[in-house]
Amino acid sequence: MSEEVKQSALWIIGAVLLICLLFGLLPLLLDVLGVTVRVFVIVPVVGTVLGLFIAAIIHRYILRPGNRHTASSTVTLYTVGACWLVVFLLTDLG
Protein backbone atom coordinates (compact mmCIF):
# COMPACT_ATOMS: atom_id res chain seq x y z
CA MET A 1 0.00 0.00 0.00
CA SER A 2 1.16 3.46 -0.70
CA GLU A 3 1.56 6.11 1.92
CA GLU A 4 -1.34 8.13 0.50
CA VAL A 5 -3.78 5.22 0.82
CA LYS A 6 -2.71 4.55 4.42
CA GLN A 7 -3.23 8.17 5.35
CA SER A 8 -6.70 8.38 3.77
CA ALA A 9 -7.69 5.11 5.47
CA LEU A 10 -6.61 6.53 8.81
CA TRP A 11 -8.65 9.69 8.13
CA ILE A 12 -11.73 7.59 7.33
CA ILE A 13 -11.30 5.45 10.46
CA GLY A 14 -10.80 8.58 12.56
CA ALA A 15 -13.88 10.25 11.08
CA VAL A 16 -16.03 7.15 11.72
CA LEU A 17 -14.80 6.92 15.32
CA LEU A 18 -15.45 10.63 15.84
CA ILE A 19 -19.00 10.31 14.49
CA CYS A 20 -19.68 7.29 16.73
CA LEU A 21 -18.31 9.18 19.72
CA LEU A 22 -20.38 12.23 18.86
CA PHE A 23 -23.61 10.24 18.56
CA GLY A 24 -22.80 8.41 21.78
CA LEU A 25 -22.09 11.57 23.78
CA LEU A 26 -24.74 13.81 22.19
CA PRO A 27 -27.59 12.69 24.51
CA LEU A 28 -25.32 13.18 27.53
CA LEU A 29 -24.35 16.66 26.34
CA LEU A 30 -28.01 17.57 25.80
CA ASP A 31 -28.87 16.36 29.30
CA VAL A 32 -26.08 18.46 30.77
CA LEU A 33 -27.25 21.46 28.74
CA GLY A 34 -30.84 20.96 29.95
CA VAL A 35 -29.75 20.78 33.59
CA THR A 36 -27.60 23.87 33.11
CA VAL A 37 -30.51 25.84 31.67
CA ARG A 38 -32.78 24.74 34.51
CA VAL A 39 -30.29 25.62 37.23
CA PHE A 40 -29.00 28.91 35.83
CA VAL A 41 -32.14 30.27 34.12
CA ILE A 42 -35.36 28.70 35.41
CA VAL A 43 -34.51 28.60 39.11
CA PRO A 44 -33.33 32.24 39.37
CA VAL A 45 -36.14 33.71 37.27
CA VAL A 46 -39.02 31.76 38.78
CA GLY A 47 -37.55 31.92 42.30
CA THR A 48 -37.06 35.68 42.11
CA VAL A 49 -40.53 36.40 40.73
CA LEU A 50 -42.19 34.13 43.28
CA GLY A 51 -40.06 35.51 46.12
CA LEU A 52 -40.77 39.14 45.25
CA PHE A 53 -44.49 38.39 45.03
CA ILE A 54 -44.54 36.70 48.44
CA ALA A 55 -42.36 39.46 49.94
CA ALA A 56 -44.78 42.10 48.65
CA ILE A 57 -47.66 40.24 50.30
CA ILE A 58 -45.69 40.00 53.56
CA HIS A 59 -44.82 43.72 53.52
CA ARG A 60 -48.32 44.79 52.53
CA TYR A 61 -50.55 42.58 54.65
CA ILE A 62 -48.57 40.82 57.38
CA LEU A 63 -46.08 43.35 58.75
CA ARG A 64 -47.51 46.15 60.85
CA PRO A 65 -46.50 49.74 60.06
CA GLY A 66 -44.46 50.09 63.27
CA ASN A 67 -42.51 46.86 62.72
CA ARG A 68 -38.72 47.24 62.41
CA HIS A 69 -38.71 44.96 59.33
CA THR A 70 -41.10 47.15 57.35
CA ALA A 71 -38.36 49.40 55.95
CA SER A 72 -35.77 46.62 55.83
CA SER A 73 -34.95 44.48 52.80
CA THR A 74 -34.19 41.47 55.00
CA VAL A 75 -37.65 39.99 54.53
CA THR A 76 -37.38 40.36 50.75
CA LEU A 77 -33.88 38.87 50.62
CA TYR A 78 -34.75 35.83 52.72
CA THR A 79 -38.05 35.30 50.90
CA VAL A 80 -36.35 35.34 47.50
CA GLY A 81 -33.63 33.00 48.80
CA ALA A 82 -36.18 30.58 50.21
CA CYS A 83 -38.13 30.62 46.94
CA TRP A 84 -34.95 29.87 44.99
CA LEU A 85 -34.39 26.87 47.25
CA VAL A 86 -37.98 25.69 46.86
CA VAL A 87 -37.90 26.04 43.07
CA PHE A 88 -34.54 24.27 42.91
CA LEU A 89 -35.80 21.37 45.02
CA LEU A 90 -39.01 21.10 42.98
CA THR A 91 -37.18 21.20 39.63
CA ASP A 92 -36.74 17.75 38.12
CA LEU A 93 -33.05 17.59 37.26
CA GLY A 94 -33.42 14.36 35.37
C-alpha atoms as a PDB file:
ATOM      1  CA  MET A   1       0.000   0.000   0.000  1.00  0.00           C
ATOM      2  CA  SER A   2       1.158   3.456  -0.703  1.00  0.00           C
ATOM      3  CA  GLU A   3       1.560   6.105   1.922  1.00  0.00           C
ATOM      4  CA  GLU A   4      -1.336   8.131   0.504  1.00  0.00           C
ATOM      5  CA  VAL A   5      -3.784   5.222   0.819  1.00  0.00           C
ATOM      6  CA  LYS A   6      -2.710   4.547   4.418  1.00  0.00           C
ATOM      7  CA  GLN A   7      -3.232   8.166   5.352  1.00  0.00           C
ATOM      8  CA  SER A   8      -6.697   8.380   3.766  1.00  0.00           C
ATOM      9  CA  ALA A   9      -7.694   5.108   5.471  1.00  0.00           C
ATOM     10  CA  LEU A  10      -6.613   6.531   8.809  1.00  0.00           C
ATOM     11  CA  TRP A  11      -8.651   9.686   8.126  1.00  0.00           C
ATOM     12  CA  ILE A  12     -11.733   7.593   7.331  1.00  0.00           C
ATOM     13  CA  ILE A  13     -11.302   5.454  10.459  1.00  0.00           C
ATOM     14  CA  GLY A  14     -10.800   8.578  12.565  1.00  0.00           C
ATOM     15  CA  ALA A  15     -13.881  10.249  11.082  1.00  0.00           C
ATOM     16  CA  VAL A  16     -16.030   7.153  11.723  1.00  0.00           C
ATOM     17  CA  LEU A  17     -14.797   6.924  15.320  1.00  0.00           C
ATOM     18  CA  LEU A  18     -15.451  10.633  15.835  1.00  0.00           C
ATOM     19  CA  ILE A  19     -19.002  10.307  14.488  1.00  0.00           C
ATOM     20  CA  CYS A  20     -19.682   7.290  16.725  1.00  0.00           C
ATOM     21  CA  LEU A  21     -18.305   9.177  19.722  1.00  0.00           C
ATOM     22  CA  LEU A  22     -20.385  12.230  18.862  1.00  0.00           C
ATOM     23  CA  PHE A  23     -23.608  10.245  18.557  1.00  0.00           C
ATOM     24  CA  GLY A  24     -22.798   8.407  21.782  1.00  0.00           C
ATOM     25  CA  LEU A  25     -22.087  11.569  23.775  1.00  0.00           C
ATOM     26  CA  LEU A  26     -24.739  13.807  22.194  1.00  0.00           C
ATOM     27  CA  PRO A  27     -27.587  12.689  24.513  1.00  0.00           C
ATOM     28  CA  LEU A  28     -25.324  13.184  27.525  1.00  0.00           C
ATOM     29  CA  LEU A  29     -24.353  16.663  26.343  1.00  0.00           C
ATOM     30  CA  LEU A  30     -28.009  17.567  25.796  1.00  0.00           C
ATOM     31  CA  ASP A  31     -28.868  16.356  29.300  1.00  0.00           C
ATOM     32  CA  VAL A  32     -26.077  18.459  30.774  1.00  0.00           C
ATOM     33  CA  LEU A  33     -27.254  21.456  28.741  1.00  0.00           C
ATOM     34  CA  GLY A  34     -30.844  20.963  29.955  1.00  0.00           C
ATOM     35  CA  VAL A  35     -29.750  20.778  33.589  1.00  0.00           C
ATOM     36  CA  THR A  36     -27.597  23.872  33.114  1.00  0.00           C
ATOM     37  CA  VAL A  37     -30.510  25.842  31.671  1.00  0.00           C
ATOM     38  CA  ARG A  38     -32.780  24.741  34.511  1.00  0.00           C
ATOM     39  CA  VAL A  39     -30.287  25.616  37.234  1.00  0.00           C
ATOM     40  CA  PHE A  40     -28.998  28.909  35.828  1.00  0.00           C
ATOM     41  CA  VAL A  41     -32.143  30.269  34.122  1.00  0.00           C
ATOM     42  CA  ILE A  42     -35.361  28.695  35.405  1.00  0.00           C
ATOM     43  CA  VAL A  43     -34.512  28.603  39.111  1.00  0.00           C
ATOM     44  CA  PRO A  44     -33.334  32.239  39.375  1.00  0.00           C
ATOM     45  CA  VAL A  45     -36.137  33.714  37.271  1.00  0.00           C
ATOM     46  CA  VAL A  46     -39.023  31.761  38.784  1.00  0.00           C
ATOM     47  CA  GLY A  47     -37.554  31.923  42.300  1.00  0.00           C
ATOM     48  CA  THR A  48     -37.061  35.681  42.115  1.00  0.00           C
ATOM     49  CA  VAL A  49     -40.531  36.399  40.728  1.00  0.00           C
ATOM     50  CA  LEU A  50     -42.187  34.135  43.280  1.00  0.00           C
ATOM     51  CA  GLY A  51     -40.063  35.514  46.119  1.00  0.00           C
ATOM     52  CA  LEU A  52     -40.774  39.138  45.250  1.00  0.00           C
ATOM     53  CA  PHE A  53     -44.486  38.392  45.030  1.00  0.00           C
ATOM     54  CA  ILE A  54     -44.536  36.698  48.438  1.00  0.00           C
ATOM     55  CA  ALA A  55     -42.362  39.461  49.942  1.00  0.00           C
ATOM     56  CA  ALA A  56     -44.779  42.097  48.647  1.00  0.00           C
ATOM     57  CA  ILE A  57     -47.662  40.245  50.298  1.00  0.00           C
ATOM     58  CA  ILE A  58     -45.692  40.002  53.556  1.00  0.00           C
ATOM     59  CA  HIS A  59     -44.818  43.717  53.516  1.00  0.00           C
ATOM     60  CA  ARG A  60     -48.319  44.788  52.530  1.00  0.00           C
ATOM     61  CA  TYR A  61     -50.552  42.578  54.649  1.00  0.00           C
ATOM     62  CA  ILE A  62     -48.568  40.818  57.379  1.00  0.00           C
ATOM     63  CA  LEU A  63     -46.077  43.348  58.748  1.00  0.00           C
ATOM     64  CA  ARG A  64     -47.508  46.149  60.846  1.00  0.00           C
ATOM     65  CA  PRO A  65     -46.500  49.742  60.058  1.00  0.00           C
ATOM     66  CA  GLY A  66     -44.463  50.086  63.265  1.00  0.00           C
ATOM     67  CA  ASN A  67     -42.511  46.864  62.724  1.00  0.00           C
ATOM     68  CA  ARG A  68     -38.725  47.244  62.407  1.00  0.00           C
ATOM     69  CA  HIS A  69     -38.711  44.962  59.328  1.00  0.00           C
ATOM     70  CA  THR A  70     -41.102  47.152  57.352  1.00  0.00           C
ATOM     71  CA  ALA A  71     -38.362  49.402  55.947  1.00  0.00           C
ATOM     72  CA  SER A  72     -35.767  46.615  55.826  1.00  0.00           C
ATOM     73  CA  SER A  73     -34.948  44.481  52.804  1.00  0.00           C
ATOM     74  CA  THR A  74     -34.190  41.471  54.996  1.00  0.00           C
ATOM     75  CA  VAL A  75     -37.648  39.985  54.534  1.00  0.00           C
ATOM     76  CA  THR A  76     -37.379  40.357  50.749  1.00  0.00           C
ATOM     77  CA  LEU A  77     -33.883  38.875  50.622  1.00  0.00           C
ATOM     78  CA  TYR A  78     -34.752  35.830  52.717  1.00  0.00           C
ATOM     79  CA  THR A  79     -38.054  35.305  50.901  1.00  0.00           C
ATOM     80  CA  VAL A  80     -36.346  35.337  47.504  1.00  0.00           C
ATOM     81  CA  GLY A  81     -33.628  32.997  48.803  1.00  0.00           C
ATOM     82  CA  ALA A  82     -36.184  30.582  50.210  1.00  0.00           C
ATOM     83  CA  CYS A  83     -38.126  30.619  46.939  1.00  0.00           C
ATOM     84  CA  TRP A  84     -34.949  29.873  44.992  1.00  0.00           C
ATOM     85  CA  LEU A  85     -34.389  26.873  47.246  1.00  0.00           C
ATOM     86  CA  VAL A  86     -37.982  25.689  46.857  1.00  0.00           C
ATOM     87  CA  VAL A  87     -37.901  26.043  43.065  1.00  0.00           C
ATOM     88  CA  PHE A  88     -34.535  24.268  42.913  1.00  0.00           C
ATOM     89  CA  LEU A  89     -35.804  21.367  45.016  1.00  0.00           C
ATOM     90  CA  LEU A  90     -39.005  21.098  42.981  1.00  0.00           C
ATOM     91  CA  THR A  91     -37.180  21.199  39.628  1.00  0.00           C
ATOM     92  CA  ASP A  92     -36.735  17.755  38.125  1.00  0.00           C
ATOM     93  CA  LEU A  93     -33.055  17.585  37.263  1.00  0.00           C
ATOM     94  CA  GLY A  94     -33.422  14.358  35.373  1.00  0.00           C
END
